[in-house]
Amino acid sequence: MTVSIAEAFSSIEDPRINRKKLHSLTDILVLTICAMLSGADGYEAIEEFW
């Protein structure tokens, strides 16, 4: 059985306030992991990856 990255993180509870959510937590985590795997080494590099 294979599980996608998004499925693996979908069960994590999002502690943010609902009205402040522009993006889902799962999307943020998946994009951050992809950025880091591509060589991003800090917040600015992760932001540039998006």
PDB file of N, CA and C in Angstrom:
ATOM      1  N   MET A   1       0.840  -1.187   0.000  1.00  0.00           N
ATOM      2  CA  MET A   1       0.000   0.000   0.000  1.00  0.00           C
ATOM      3  C   MET A   1       0.884   1.250   0.000  1.00  0.00           C
ATOM      4  N   THR A   2       0.624   2.149  -0.905  1.00  0.00           N
ATOM      5  CA  THR A   2       1.380   3.395  -0.948  1.00  0.00           C
ATOM      6  C   THR A   2       0.492   4.546  -0.491  1.00  0.00           C
ATOM      7  N   VAL A   3       1.112   5.501   0.157  1.00  0.00           N
ATOM      8  CA  VAL A   3       0.403   6.669   0.662  1.00  0.00           C
ATOM      9  C   VAL A   3       1.108   7.902   0.117  1.00  0.00           C
ATOM     10  N   SER A   4       0.343   8.834  -0.416  1.00  0.00           N
ATOM     11  CA  SER A   4       0.944  10.064  -0.923  1.00  0.00           C
ATOM     12  C   SER A   4       1.368  10.952   0.247  1.00  0.00           C
ATOM     13  N   ILE A   5       2.226  11.909  -0.049  1.00  0.00           N
ATOM     14  CA  ILE A   5       2.659  12.849   0.989  1.00  0.00           C
ATOM     15  C   ILE A   5       1.455  13.600   1.548  1.00  0.00           C
ATOM     16  N   ALA A   6       0.563  14.041   0.677  1.00  0.00           N
ATOM     17  CA  ALA A   6      -0.619  14.792   1.112  1.00  0.00           C
ATOM     18  C   ALA A   6      -1.497  13.935   2.024  1.00  0.00           C
ATOM     19  N   GLU A   7      -1.671  12.672   1.703  1.00  0.00           N
ATOM     20  CA  GLU A   7      -2.483  11.783   2.544  1.00  0.00           C
ATOM     21  C   GLU A   7      -1.820  11.570   3.897  1.00  0.00           C
ATOM     22  N   ALA A   8      -0.503  11.472   3.908  1.00  0.00           N
ATOM     23  CA  ALA A   8       0.211  11.250   5.154  1.00  0.00           C
ATOM     24  C   ALA A   8       0.045  12.429   6.114  1.00  0.00           C
ATOM     25  N   PHE A   9      -0.014  13.649   5.593  1.00  0.00           N
ATOM     26  CA  PHE A   9      -0.143  14.835   6.443  1.00  0.00           C
ATOM     27  C   PHE A   9      -1.588  15.283   6.662  1.00  0.00           C
ATOM     28  N   SER A  10      -2.536  14.667   6.012  1.00  0.00           N
ATOM     29  CA  SER A  10      -3.925  15.115   6.115  1.00  0.00           C
ATOM     30  C   SER A  10      -4.523  14.925   7.508  1.00  0.00           C
ATOM     31  N   SER A  11      -3.946  14.053   8.313  1.00  0.00           N
ATOM     32  CA  SER A  11      -4.493  13.815   9.651  1.00  0.00           C
ATOM     33  C   SER A  11      -3.930  14.762  10.710  1.00  0.00           C
ATOM     34  N   ILE A  12      -2.970  15.620  10.341  1.00  0.00           N
ATOM     35  CA  ILE A  12      -2.394  16.576  11.292  1.00  0.00           C
ATOM     36  C   ILE A  12      -3.397  17.695  11.539  1.00  0.00           C
ATOM     37  N   GLU A  13      -3.632  17.998  12.805  1.00  0.00           N
ATOM     38  CA  GLU A  13      -4.576  19.057  13.171  1.00  0.00           C
ATOM     39  C   GLU A  13      -3.938  20.418  12.919  1.00  0.00           C
ATOM     40  N   ASP A  14      -4.699  21.308  12.311  1.00  0.00           N
ATOM     41  CA  ASP A  14      -4.225  22.656  11.998  1.00  0.00           C
ATOM     42  C   ASP A  14      -4.556  23.586  13.159  1.00  0.00           C
ATOM     43  N   PRO A  15      -3.540  24.135  13.858  1.00  0.00           N
ATOM     44  CA  PRO A  15      -3.805  24.967  15.032  1.00  0.00           C
ATOM     45  C   PRO A  15      -4.148  26.423  14.706  1.00  0.00           C
ATOM     46  N   ARG A  16      -4.144  26.791  13.428  1.00  0.00           N
ATOM     47  CA  ARG A  16      -4.379  28.187  13.058  1.00  0.00           C
ATOM     48  C   ARG A  16      -5.853  28.567  13.191  1.00  0.00           C
ATOM     49  N   ILE A  17      -6.103  29.865  13.336  1.00  0.00           N
ATOM     50  CA  ILE A  17      -7.457  30.408  13.402  1.00  0.00           C
ATOM     51  C   ILE A  17      -8.076  30.295  12.011  1.00  0.00           C
ATOM     52  N   ASN A  18      -9.328  29.842  11.939  1.00  0.00           N
ATOM     53  CA  ASN A  18      -9.971  29.592  10.639  1.00  0.00           C
ATOM     54  C   ASN A  18      -9.976  30.801   9.723  1.00  0.00           C
ATOM     55  N   ARG A  19     -10.229  31.979  10.239  1.00  0.00           N
ATOM     56  CA  ARG A  19     -10.324  33.151   9.360  1.00  0.00           C
ATOM     57  C   ARG A  19      -8.963  33.611   8.834  1.00  0.00           C
ATOM     58  N   LYS A  20      -7.882  33.078   9.388  1.00  0.00           N
ATOM     59  CA  LYS A  20      -6.536  33.452   8.951  1.00  0.00           C
ATOM     60  C   LYS A  20      -5.945  32.474   7.941  1.00  0.00           C
ATOM     61  N   LYS A  21      -6.674  31.429   7.588  1.00  0.00           N
ATOM     62  CA  LYS A  21      -6.152  30.399   6.693  1.00  0.00           C
ATOM     63  C   LYS A  21      -6.344  30.796   5.235  1.00  0.00           C
ATOM     64  N   LEU A  22      -5.228  31.032   4.553  1.00  0.00           N
ATOM     65  CA  LEU A  22      -5.290  31.298   3.120  1.00  0.00           C
ATOM     66  C   LEU A  22      -5.019  30.026   2.324  1.00  0.00           C
ATOM     67  N   HIS A  23      -4.249  29.100   2.926  1.00  0.00           N
ATOM     68  CA  HIS A  23      -3.884  27.845   2.274  1.00  0.00           C
ATOM     69  C   HIS A  23      -4.046  26.709   3.284  1.00  0.00           C
ATOM     70  N   SER A  24      -4.326  25.520   2.786  1.00  0.00           N
ATOM     71  CA  SER A  24      -4.469  24.387   3.704  1.00  0.00           C
ATOM     72  C   SER A  24      -3.105  23.998   4.258  1.00  0.00           C
ATOM     73  N   LEU A  25      -3.091  23.490   5.471  1.00  0.00           N
ATOM     74  CA  LEU A  25      -1.846  23.075   6.114  1.00  0.00           C
ATOM     75  C   LEU A  25      -1.168  21.979   5.311  1.00  0.00           C
ATOM     76  N   THR A  26      -1.935  21.065   4.757  1.00  0.00           N
ATOM     77  CA  THR A  26      -1.370  19.987   3.946  1.00  0.00           C
ATOM     78  C   THR A  26      -0.623  20.550   2.744  1.00  0.00           C
ATOM     79  N   ASP A  27      -1.213  21.534   2.064  1.00  0.00           N
ATOM     80  CA  ASP A  27      -0.545  22.159   0.909  1.00  0.00           C
ATOM     81  C   ASP A  27       0.764  22.824   1.321  1.00  0.00           C
ATOM     82  N   ILE A  28       0.753  23.514   2.453  1.00  0.00           N
ATOM     83  CA  ILE A  28       1.954  24.191   2.938  1.00  0.00           C
ATOM     84  C   ILE A  28       3.052  23.180   3.242  1.00  0.00           C
ATOM     85  N   LEU A  29       2.701  22.095   3.916  1.00  0.00           N
ATOM     86  CA  LEU A  29       3.695  21.078   4.265  1.00  0.00           C
ATOM     87  C   LEU A  29       4.270  20.395   3.028  1.00  0.00           C
ATOM     88  N   VAL A  30       3.406  20.051   2.080  1.00  0.00           N
ATOM     89  CA  VAL A  30       3.872  19.379   0.856  1.00  0.00           C
ATOM     90  C   VAL A  30       4.789  20.303   0.060  1.00  0.00           C
ATOM     91  N   LEU A  31       4.408  21.559  -0.115  1.00  0.00           N
ATOM     92  CA  LEU A  31       5.244  22.498  -0.862  1.00  0.00           C
ATOM     93  C   LEU A  31       6.566  22.753  -0.152  1.00  0.00           C
ATOM     94  N   THR A  32       6.550  22.812   1.171  1.00  0.00           N
ATOM     95  CA  THR A  32       7.776  23.018   1.934  1.00  0.00           C
ATOM     96  C   THR A  32       8.724  21.836   1.770  1.00  0.00           C
ATOM     97  N   ILE A  33       8.192  20.628   1.827  1.00  0.00           N
ATOM     98  CA  ILE A  33       9.021  19.436   1.636  1.00  0.00           C
ATOM     99  C   ILE A  33       9.605  19.415   0.230  1.00  0.00           C
ATOM    100  N   CYS A  34       8.790  19.720  -0.763  1.00  0.00           N
ATOM    101  CA  CYS A  34       9.287  19.751  -2.147  1.00  0.00           C
ATOM    102  C   CYS A  34      10.378  20.801  -2.311  1.00  0.00           C
ATOM    103  N   ALA A  35      10.200  21.963  -1.695  1.00  0.00           N
ATOM    104  CA  ALA A  35      11.210  23.016  -1.777  1.00  0.00           C
ATOM    105  C   ALA A  35      12.512  22.572  -1.130  1.00  0.00           C
ATOM    106  N   MET A  36      12.419  21.935   0.026  1.00  0.00           N
ATOM    107  CA  MET A  36      13.625  21.485   0.723  1.00  0.00           C
ATOM    108  C   MET A  36      14.342  20.390  -0.064  1.00  0.00           C
ATOM    109  N   LEU A  37      13.589  19.503  -0.689  1.00  0.00           N
ATOM    110  CA  LEU A  37      14.198  18.461  -1.509  1.00  0.00           C
ATOM    111  C   LEU A  37      14.871  19.048  -2.748  1.00  0.00           C
ATOM    112  N   SER A  38      14.414  20.225  -3.154  1.00  0.00           N
ATOM    113  CA  SER A  38      14.990  20.894  -4.314  1.00  0.00           C
ATOM    114  C   SER A  38      16.166  21.796  -3.939  1.00  0.00           C
ATOM    115  N   GLY A  39      16.509  21.809  -2.663  1.00  0.00           N
ATOM    116  CA  GLY A  39      17.682  22.565  -2.240  1.00  0.00           C
ATOM    117  C   GLY A  39      17.409  23.825  -1.449  1.00  0.00           C
ATOM    118  N   ALA A  40      16.165  24.130  -1.169  1.00  0.00           N
ATOM    119  CA  ALA A  40      15.852  25.317  -0.369  1.00  0.00           C
ATOM    120  C   ALA A  40      16.410  25.119   1.037  1.00  0.00           C
ATOM    121  N   ASP A  41      17.099  26.158   1.549  1.00  0.00           N
ATOM    122  CA  ASP A  41      17.737  26.015   2.844  1.00  0.00           C
ATOM    123  C   ASP A  41      17.299  27.063   3.865  1.00  0.00           C
ATOM    124  N   GLY A  42      16.219  27.750   3.590  1.00  0.00           N
ATOM    125  CA  GLY A  42      15.716  28.751   4.524  1.00  0.00           C
ATOM    126  C   GLY A  42      14.348  29.249   4.081  1.00  0.00           C
ATOM    127  N   TYR A  43      13.776  30.134   4.891  1.00  0.00           N
ATOM    128  CA  TYR A  43      12.435  30.644   4.611  1.00  0.00           C
ATOM    129  C   TYR A  43      12.367  31.369   3.273  1.00  0.00           C
ATOM    130  N   GLU A  44      13.383  32.178   2.993  1.00  0.00           N
ATOM    131  CA  GLU A  44      13.365  32.921   1.738  1.00  0.00           C
ATOM    132  C   GLU A  44      13.437  31.984   0.534  1.00  0.00           C
ATOM    133  N   ALA A  45      14.255  30.954   0.634  1.00  0.00           N
ATOM    134  CA  ALA A  45      14.378  29.991  -0.474  1.00  0.00           C
ATOM    135  C   ALA A  45      13.087  29.219  -0.668  1.00  0.00           C
ATOM    136  N   ILE A  46      12.420  28.874   0.428  1.00  0.00           N
ATOM    137  CA  ILE A  46      11.127  28.170   0.327  1.00  0.00           C
ATOM    138  C   ILE A  46      10.096  29.088  -0.312  1.00  0.00           C
ATOM    139  N   GLU A  47      10.101  30.362   0.070  1.00  0.00           N
ATOM    140  CA  GLU A  47       9.159  31.325  -0.517  1.00  0.00           C
ATOM    141  C   GLU A  47       9.407  31.480  -2.019  1.00  0.00           C
ATOM    142  N   GLU A  48      10.661  31.523  -2.408  1.00  0.00           N
ATOM    143  CA  GLU A  48      10.990  31.635  -3.835  1.00  0.00           C
ATOM    144  C   GLU A  48      10.550  30.403  -4.607  1.00  0.00           C
ATOM    145  N   PHE A  49      10.581  29.247  -3.986  1.00  0.00           N
ATOM    146  CA  PHE A  49      10.157  28.011  -4.632  1.00  0.00           C
ATOM    147  C   PHE A  49       8.680  28.057  -4.978  1.00  0.00           C
ATOM    148  N   TRP A  50       7.869  28.685  -4.132  1.00  0.00           N
ATOM    149  CA  TRP A  50       6.415  28.739  -4.338  1.00  0.00           C
ATOM    150  C   TRP A  50       6.141  29.570  -5.540  1.00  0.00           C
TER     151      TRP A  50
END
